[in-house]
PDB file of all heavy atoms in Angstrom:
ATOM      1  N   ALA A   1      62.037 219.638  -9.876  1.00  0.00           N
ATOM      2  CA  ALA A   1      61.296 218.599  -9.150  1.00  0.00           C
ATOM      3  C   ALA A   1      61.293 218.786  -7.648  1.00  0.00           C
ATOM      4  O   ALA A   1      60.482 218.190  -6.954  1.00  0.00           O
ATOM      5  CB  ALA A   1      61.875 217.220  -9.493  1.00  0.00           C
ATOM      6  N   GLY A   2      62.219 219.591  -7.113  1.00  0.00           N
ATOM      7  CA  GLY A   2      62.287 219.776  -5.677  1.00  0.00           C
ATOM      8  C   GLY A   2      62.576 218.482  -4.957  1.00  0.00           C
ATOM      9  O   GLY A   2      63.429 217.690  -5.375  1.00  0.00           O
ATOM     10  N   PHE A   3      61.854 218.234  -3.877  1.00  0.00           N
ATOM     11  CA  PHE A   3      62.095 217.038  -3.083  1.00  0.00           C
ATOM     12  C   PHE A   3      61.581 215.766  -3.758  1.00  0.00           C
ATOM     13  O   PHE A   3      61.830 214.663  -3.272  1.00  0.00           O
ATOM     14  CB  PHE A   3      61.435 217.174  -1.698  1.00  0.00           C
ATOM     15  CG  PHE A   3      62.152 218.134  -0.804  1.00  0.00           C
ATOM     16  CD1 PHE A   3      61.642 219.393  -0.571  1.00  0.00           C
ATOM     17  CD2 PHE A   3      63.356 217.782  -0.217  1.00  0.00           C
ATOM     18  CE1 PHE A   3      62.306 220.291   0.246  1.00  0.00           C
ATOM     19  CE2 PHE A   3      64.029 218.662   0.604  1.00  0.00           C
ATOM     20  CZ  PHE A   3      63.510 219.930   0.836  1.00  0.00           C
ATOM     21  N   LYS A   4      60.870 215.907  -4.889  1.00  0.00           N
ATOM     22  CA  LYS A   4      60.465 214.716  -5.624  1.00  0.00           C
ATOM     23  C   LYS A   4      61.675 213.938  -6.115  1.00  0.00           C
ATOM     24  O   LYS A   4      61.621 212.728  -6.300  1.00  0.00           O
ATOM     25  CB  LYS A   4      59.584 215.100  -6.813  1.00  0.00           C
ATOM     26  CG  LYS A   4      58.216 215.646  -6.427  1.00  0.00           C
ATOM     27  CD  LYS A   4      57.408 215.983  -7.668  1.00  0.00           C
ATOM     28  CE  LYS A   4      56.039 216.532  -7.290  1.00  0.00           C
ATOM     29  NZ  LYS A   4      55.247 216.887  -8.500  1.00  0.00           N
ATOM     30  N   LEU A   5      62.797 214.665  -6.330  1.00  0.00           N
ATOM     31  CA  LEU A   5      64.020 213.989  -6.765  1.00  0.00           C
ATOM     32  C   LEU A   5      64.485 212.996  -5.716  1.00  0.00           C
ATOM     33  O   LEU A   5      64.937 211.899  -6.044  1.00  0.00           O
ATOM     34  CB  LEU A   5      65.124 215.013  -7.036  1.00  0.00           C
ATOM     35  CG  LEU A   5      66.513 214.449  -7.335  1.00  0.00           C
ATOM     36  CD1 LEU A   5      66.489 213.651  -8.622  1.00  0.00           C
ATOM     37  CD2 LEU A   5      67.542 215.556  -7.408  1.00  0.00           C
ATOM     38  N   VAL A   6      64.376 213.366  -4.458  1.00  0.00           N
ATOM     39  CA  VAL A   6      64.819 212.479  -3.384  1.00  0.00           C
ATOM     40  C   VAL A   6      64.010 211.195  -3.392  1.00  0.00           C
ATOM     41  O   VAL A   6      64.553 210.086  -3.290  1.00  0.00           O
ATOM     42  CB  VAL A   6      64.707 213.181  -2.020  1.00  0.00           C
ATOM     43  CG1 VAL A   6      65.119 212.243  -0.894  1.00  0.00           C
ATOM     44  CG2 VAL A   6      65.548 214.450  -2.007  1.00  0.00           C
ATOM     45  N   THR A   7      62.692 211.325  -3.530  1.00  0.00           N
ATOM     46  CA  THR A   7      61.850 210.130  -3.552  1.00  0.00           C
ATOM     47  C   THR A   7      62.080 209.311  -4.807  1.00  0.00           C
ATOM     48  O   THR A   7      61.955 208.089  -4.792  1.00  0.00           O
ATOM     49  CB  THR A   7      60.371 210.522  -3.450  1.00  0.00           C
ATOM     50  OG1 THR A   7      60.049 211.401  -4.540  1.00  0.00           O
ATOM     51  CG2 THR A   7      60.102 211.244  -2.142  1.00  0.00           C
ATOM     52  N   ALA A   8      62.439 209.976  -5.903  1.00  0.00           N
ATOM     53  CA  ALA A   8      62.703 209.244  -7.146  1.00  0.00           C
ATOM     54  C   ALA A   8      63.996 208.451  -7.044  1.00  0.00           C
ATOM     55  O   ALA A   8      64.105 207.357  -7.597  1.00  0.00           O
ATOM     56  CB  ALA A   8      62.769 210.209  -8.323  1.00  0.00           C
ATOM     57  N   MET A   9      64.992 209.003  -6.350  1.00  0.00           N
ATOM     58  CA  MET A   9      66.290 208.347  -6.248  1.00  0.00           C
ATOM     59  C   MET A   9      66.334 207.320  -5.126  1.00  0.00           C
ATOM     60  O   MET A   9      67.132 206.387  -5.152  1.00  0.00           O
ATOM     61  CB  MET A   9      67.389 209.388  -6.039  1.00  0.00           C
ATOM     62  CG  MET A   9      67.586 210.324  -7.220  1.00  0.00           C
ATOM     63  SD  MET A   9      68.669 211.715  -6.857  1.00  0.00           S
ATOM     64  CE  MET A   9      70.180 210.876  -6.419  1.00  0.00           C
ATOM     65  N   ALA A  10      65.514 207.493  -4.118  1.00  0.00           N
ATOM     66  CA  ALA A  10      65.561 206.607  -2.956  1.00  0.00           C
ATOM     67  C   ALA A  10      64.779 205.322  -3.212  1.00  0.00           C
ATOM     68  O   ALA A  10      63.776 205.321  -3.926  1.00  0.00           O
ATOM     69  CB  ALA A  10      65.003 207.322  -1.730  1.00  0.00           C
ATOM     70  N   LEU A  11      65.255 204.247  -2.622  1.00  0.00           N
ATOM     71  CA  LEU A  11      64.553 202.977  -2.677  1.00  0.00           C
ATOM     72  C   LEU A  11      63.807 202.763  -1.366  1.00  0.00           C
ATOM     73  O   LEU A  11      64.302 203.096  -0.292  1.00  0.00           O
ATOM     74  CB  LEU A  11      65.539 201.825  -2.914  1.00  0.00           C
ATOM     75  CG  LEU A  11      66.302 201.856  -4.242  1.00  0.00           C
ATOM     76  CD1 LEU A  11      67.319 200.719  -4.279  1.00  0.00           C
ATOM     77  CD2 LEU A  11      65.353 201.739  -5.410  1.00  0.00           C
ATOM     78  N   GLU A  12      62.622 202.195  -1.462  1.00  0.00           N
ATOM     79  CA  GLU A  12      61.791 201.999  -0.283  1.00  0.00           C
ATOM     80  C   GLU A  12      62.339 200.867   0.580  1.00  0.00           C
ATOM     81  O   GLU A  12      62.749 199.818   0.078  1.00  0.00           O
ATOM     82  CB  GLU A  12      60.363 201.669  -0.725  1.00  0.00           C
ATOM     83  CG  GLU A  12      59.387 201.544   0.424  1.00  0.00           C
ATOM     84  CD  GLU A  12      57.978 201.254  -0.065  1.00  0.00           C
ATOM     85  OE1 GLU A  12      57.775 201.252  -1.295  1.00  0.00           O
ATOM     86  OE2 GLU A  12      57.099 201.030   0.786  1.00  0.00           O
ATOM     87  N   SER A  13      62.360 201.102   1.890  1.00  0.00           N
ATOM     88  CA  SER A  13      62.819 200.055   2.808  1.00  0.00           C
ATOM     89  C   SER A  13      61.835 198.890   2.798  1.00  0.00           C
ATOM     90  O   SER A  13      60.619 199.080   2.755  1.00  0.00           O
ATOM     91  CB  SER A  13      62.944 200.614   4.231  1.00  0.00           C
ATOM     92  OG  SER A  13      63.936 201.617   4.280  1.00  0.00           O
ATOM     93  N   MET A  14      62.387 197.673   2.846  1.00  0.00           N
ATOM     94  CA  MET A  14      61.559 196.471   2.787  1.00  0.00           C
ATOM     95  C   MET A  14      61.423 195.859   4.178  1.00  0.00           C
ATOM     96  O   MET A  14      62.295 196.035   5.035  1.00  0.00           O
ATOM     97  CB  MET A  14      62.203 195.431   1.865  1.00  0.00           C
ATOM     98  CG  MET A  14      62.463 195.887   0.456  1.00  0.00           C
ATOM     99  SD  MET A  14      63.282 194.579  -0.510  1.00  0.00           S
ATOM    100  CE  MET A  14      63.605 195.444  -2.049  1.00  0.00           C
ATOM    101  N   PRO A  15      60.357 195.124   4.404  1.00  0.00           N
ATOM    102  CA  PRO A  15      60.296 194.301   5.621  1.00  0.00           C
ATOM    103  C   PRO A  15      61.443 193.293   5.618  1.00  0.00           C
ATOM    104  O   PRO A  15      61.909 192.867   4.558  1.00  0.00           O
ATOM    105  CB  PRO A  15      58.925 193.606   5.511  1.00  0.00           C
ATOM    106  CG  PRO A  15      58.151 194.439   4.553  1.00  0.00           C
ATOM    107  CD  PRO A  15      59.131 195.031   3.597  1.00  0.00           C
ATOM    108  N   TRP A  16      61.891 192.907   6.804  1.00  0.00           N
ATOM    109  CA  TRP A  16      63.072 192.056   6.896  1.00  0.00           C
ATOM    110  C   TRP A  16      62.917 190.751   6.126  1.00  0.00           C
ATOM    111  O   TRP A  16      63.863 190.284   5.481  1.00  0.00           O
ATOM    112  CB  TRP A  16      63.390 191.755   8.364  1.00  0.00           C
ATOM    113  CG  TRP A  16      64.160 192.849   9.031  1.00  0.00           C
ATOM    114  CD1 TRP A  16      63.705 193.744   9.963  1.00  0.00           C
ATOM    115  CD2 TRP A  16      65.532 193.193   8.781  1.00  0.00           C
ATOM    116  NE1 TRP A  16      64.700 194.619  10.315  1.00  0.00           N
ATOM    117  CE2 TRP A  16      65.844 194.294   9.616  1.00  0.00           C
ATOM    118  CE3 TRP A  16      66.527 192.681   7.959  1.00  0.00           C
ATOM    119  CZ2 TRP A  16      67.099 194.876   9.632  1.00  0.00           C
ATOM    120  CZ3 TRP A  16      67.785 193.260   7.986  1.00  0.00           C
ATOM    121  CH2 TRP A  16      68.060 194.336   8.801  1.00  0.00           C
ATOM    122  N   ARG A  17      61.736 190.144   6.172  1.00  0.00           N
ATOM    123  CA  ARG A  17      61.560 188.862   5.494  1.00  0.00           C
ATOM    124  C   ARG A  17      61.717 189.026   3.985  1.00  0.00           C
ATOM    125  O   ARG A  17      62.436 188.248   3.341  1.00  0.00           O
ATOM    126  CB  ARG A  17      60.183 188.286   5.820  1.00  0.00           C
ATOM    127  CG  ARG A  17      59.898 186.951   5.129  1.00  0.00           C
ATOM    128  CD  ARG A  17      58.563 186.375   5.563  1.00  0.00           C
ATOM    129  NE  ARG A  17      58.555 186.072   6.986  1.00  0.00           N
ATOM    130  CZ  ARG A  17      57.508 185.565   7.634  1.00  0.00           C
ATOM    131  NH1 ARG A  17      56.381 185.324   6.973  1.00  0.00           N
ATOM    132  NH2 ARG A  17      57.573 185.312   8.923  1.00  0.00           N
ATOM    133  N   ARG A  18      61.093 190.049   3.425  1.00  0.00           N
ATOM    134  CA  ARG A  18      61.228 190.281   1.987  1.00  0.00           C
ATOM    135  C   ARG A  18      62.644 190.741   1.641  1.00  0.00           C
ATOM    136  O   ARG A  18      63.194 190.367   0.609  1.00  0.00           O
ATOM    137  CB  ARG A  18      60.195 191.325   1.528  1.00  0.00           C
ATOM    138  CG  ARG A  18      60.392 191.725   0.069  1.00  0.00           C
ATOM    139  CD  ARG A  18      59.195 192.447  -0.500  1.00  0.00           C
ATOM    140  NE  ARG A  18      59.461 192.934  -1.846  1.00  0.00           N
ATOM    141  CZ  ARG A  18      59.492 192.172  -2.929  1.00  0.00           C
ATOM    142  NH1 ARG A  18      59.271 190.872  -2.816  1.00  0.00           N
ATOM    143  NH2 ARG A  18      59.741 192.689  -4.113  1.00  0.00           N
ATOM    144  N   PHE A  19      63.236 191.548   2.519  1.00  0.00           N
ATOM    145  CA  PHE A  19      64.598 192.027   2.267  1.00  0.00           C
ATOM    146  C   PHE A  19      65.569 190.861   2.151  1.00  0.00           C
ATOM    147  O   PHE A  19      66.408 190.833   1.236  1.00  0.00           O
ATOM    148  CB  PHE A  19      65.023 192.970   3.399  1.00  0.00           C
ATOM    149  CG  PHE A  19      66.478 193.325   3.367  1.00  0.00           C
ATOM    150  CD1 PHE A  19      66.976 194.197   2.403  1.00  0.00           C
ATOM    151  CD2 PHE A  19      67.356 192.786   4.289  1.00  0.00           C
ATOM    152  CE1 PHE A  19      68.328 194.526   2.373  1.00  0.00           C
ATOM    153  CE2 PHE A  19      68.701 193.106   4.266  1.00  0.00           C
ATOM    154  CZ  PHE A  19      69.187 193.978   3.304  1.00  0.00           C
ATOM    155  N   ARG A  20      65.471 189.893   3.040  1.00  0.00           N
ATOM    156  CA  ARG A  20      66.380 188.746   2.983  1.00  0.00           C
ATOM    157  C   ARG A  20      66.189 187.962   1.691  1.00  0.00           C
ATOM    158  O   ARG A  20      67.161 187.505   1.073  1.00  0.00           O
ATOM    159  CB  ARG A  20      66.156 187.842   4.200  1.00  0.00           C
ATOM    160  CG  ARG A  20      66.609 188.438   5.511  1.00  0.00           C
ATOM    161  CD  ARG A  20      66.698 187.371   6.596  1.00  0.00           C
ATOM    162  NE  ARG A  20      65.397 186.773   6.862  1.00  0.00           N
ATOM    163  CZ  ARG A  20      64.556 187.199   7.781  1.00  0.00           C
ATOM    164  NH1 ARG A  20      64.880 188.244   8.540  1.00  0.00           N
ATOM    165  NH2 ARG A  20      63.407 186.610   7.977  1.00  0.00           N
ATOM    166  N   PHE A  21      64.940 187.811   1.269  1.00  0.00           N
ATOM    167  CA  PHE A  21      64.655 187.063   0.050  1.00  0.00           C
ATOM    168  C   PHE A  21      65.204 187.784  -1.175  1.00  0.00           C
ATOM    169  O   PHE A  21      65.885 187.185  -2.017  1.00  0.00           O
ATOM    170  CB  PHE A  21      63.137 186.862  -0.075  1.00  0.00           C
ATOM    171  CG  PHE A  21      62.717 186.194  -1.352  1.00  0.00           C
ATOM    172  CD1 PHE A  21      62.877 184.828  -1.525  1.00  0.00           C
ATOM    173  CD2 PHE A  21      62.167 186.930  -2.399  1.00  0.00           C
ATOM    174  CE1 PHE A  21      62.491 184.206  -2.708  1.00  0.00           C
ATOM    175  CE2 PHE A  21      61.780 186.332  -3.576  1.00  0.00           C
ATOM    176  CZ  PHE A  21      61.943 184.957  -3.721  1.00  0.00           C
ATOM    177  N   VAL A  22      64.937 189.099  -1.304  1.00  0.00           N
ATOM    178  CA  VAL A  22      65.392 189.870  -2.473  1.00  0.00           C
ATOM    179  C   VAL A  22      66.907 189.991  -2.464  1.00  0.00           C
ATOM    180  O   VAL A  22      67.557 189.933  -3.520  1.00  0.00           O
ATOM    181  CB  VAL A  22      64.722 191.254  -2.485  1.00  0.00           C
ATOM    182  CG1 VAL A  22      65.230 192.088  -3.653  1.00  0.00           C
ATOM    183  CG2 VAL A  22      63.210 191.113  -2.573  1.00  0.00           C
ATOM    184  N   LEU A  23      67.504 190.147  -1.281  1.00  0.00           N
ATOM    185  CA  LEU A  23      68.964 190.234  -1.192  1.00  0.00           C
ATOM    186  C   LEU A  23      69.607 188.943  -1.676  1.00  0.00           C
ATOM    187  O   LEU A  23      70.613 188.969  -2.415  1.00  0.00           O
ATOM    188  CB  LEU A  23      69.379 190.529   0.243  1.00  0.00           C
ATOM    189  CG  LEU A  23      70.887 190.631   0.495  1.00  0.00           C
ATOM    190  CD1 LEU A  23      71.477 191.808  -0.263  1.00  0.00           C
ATOM    191  CD2 LEU A  23      71.174 190.742   1.995  1.00  0.00           C
ATOM    192  N   ALA A  24      69.042 187.812  -1.275  1.00  0.00           N
ATOM    193  CA  ALA A  24      69.587 186.521  -1.724  1.00  0.00           C
ATOM    194  C   ALA A  24      69.485 186.398  -3.247  1.00  0.00           C
ATOM    195  O   ALA A  24      70.406 185.913  -3.907  1.00  0.00           O
ATOM    196  CB  ALA A  24      68.848 185.377  -1.040  1.00  0.00           C
TER     197      ALA A  24
END
């Protein structure tokens, strides 16, 4: 898979407002 593995394992950064909501 090459570097596709990195994208498969990584989670996308969220905007702060959504991040706070999902974290809660």
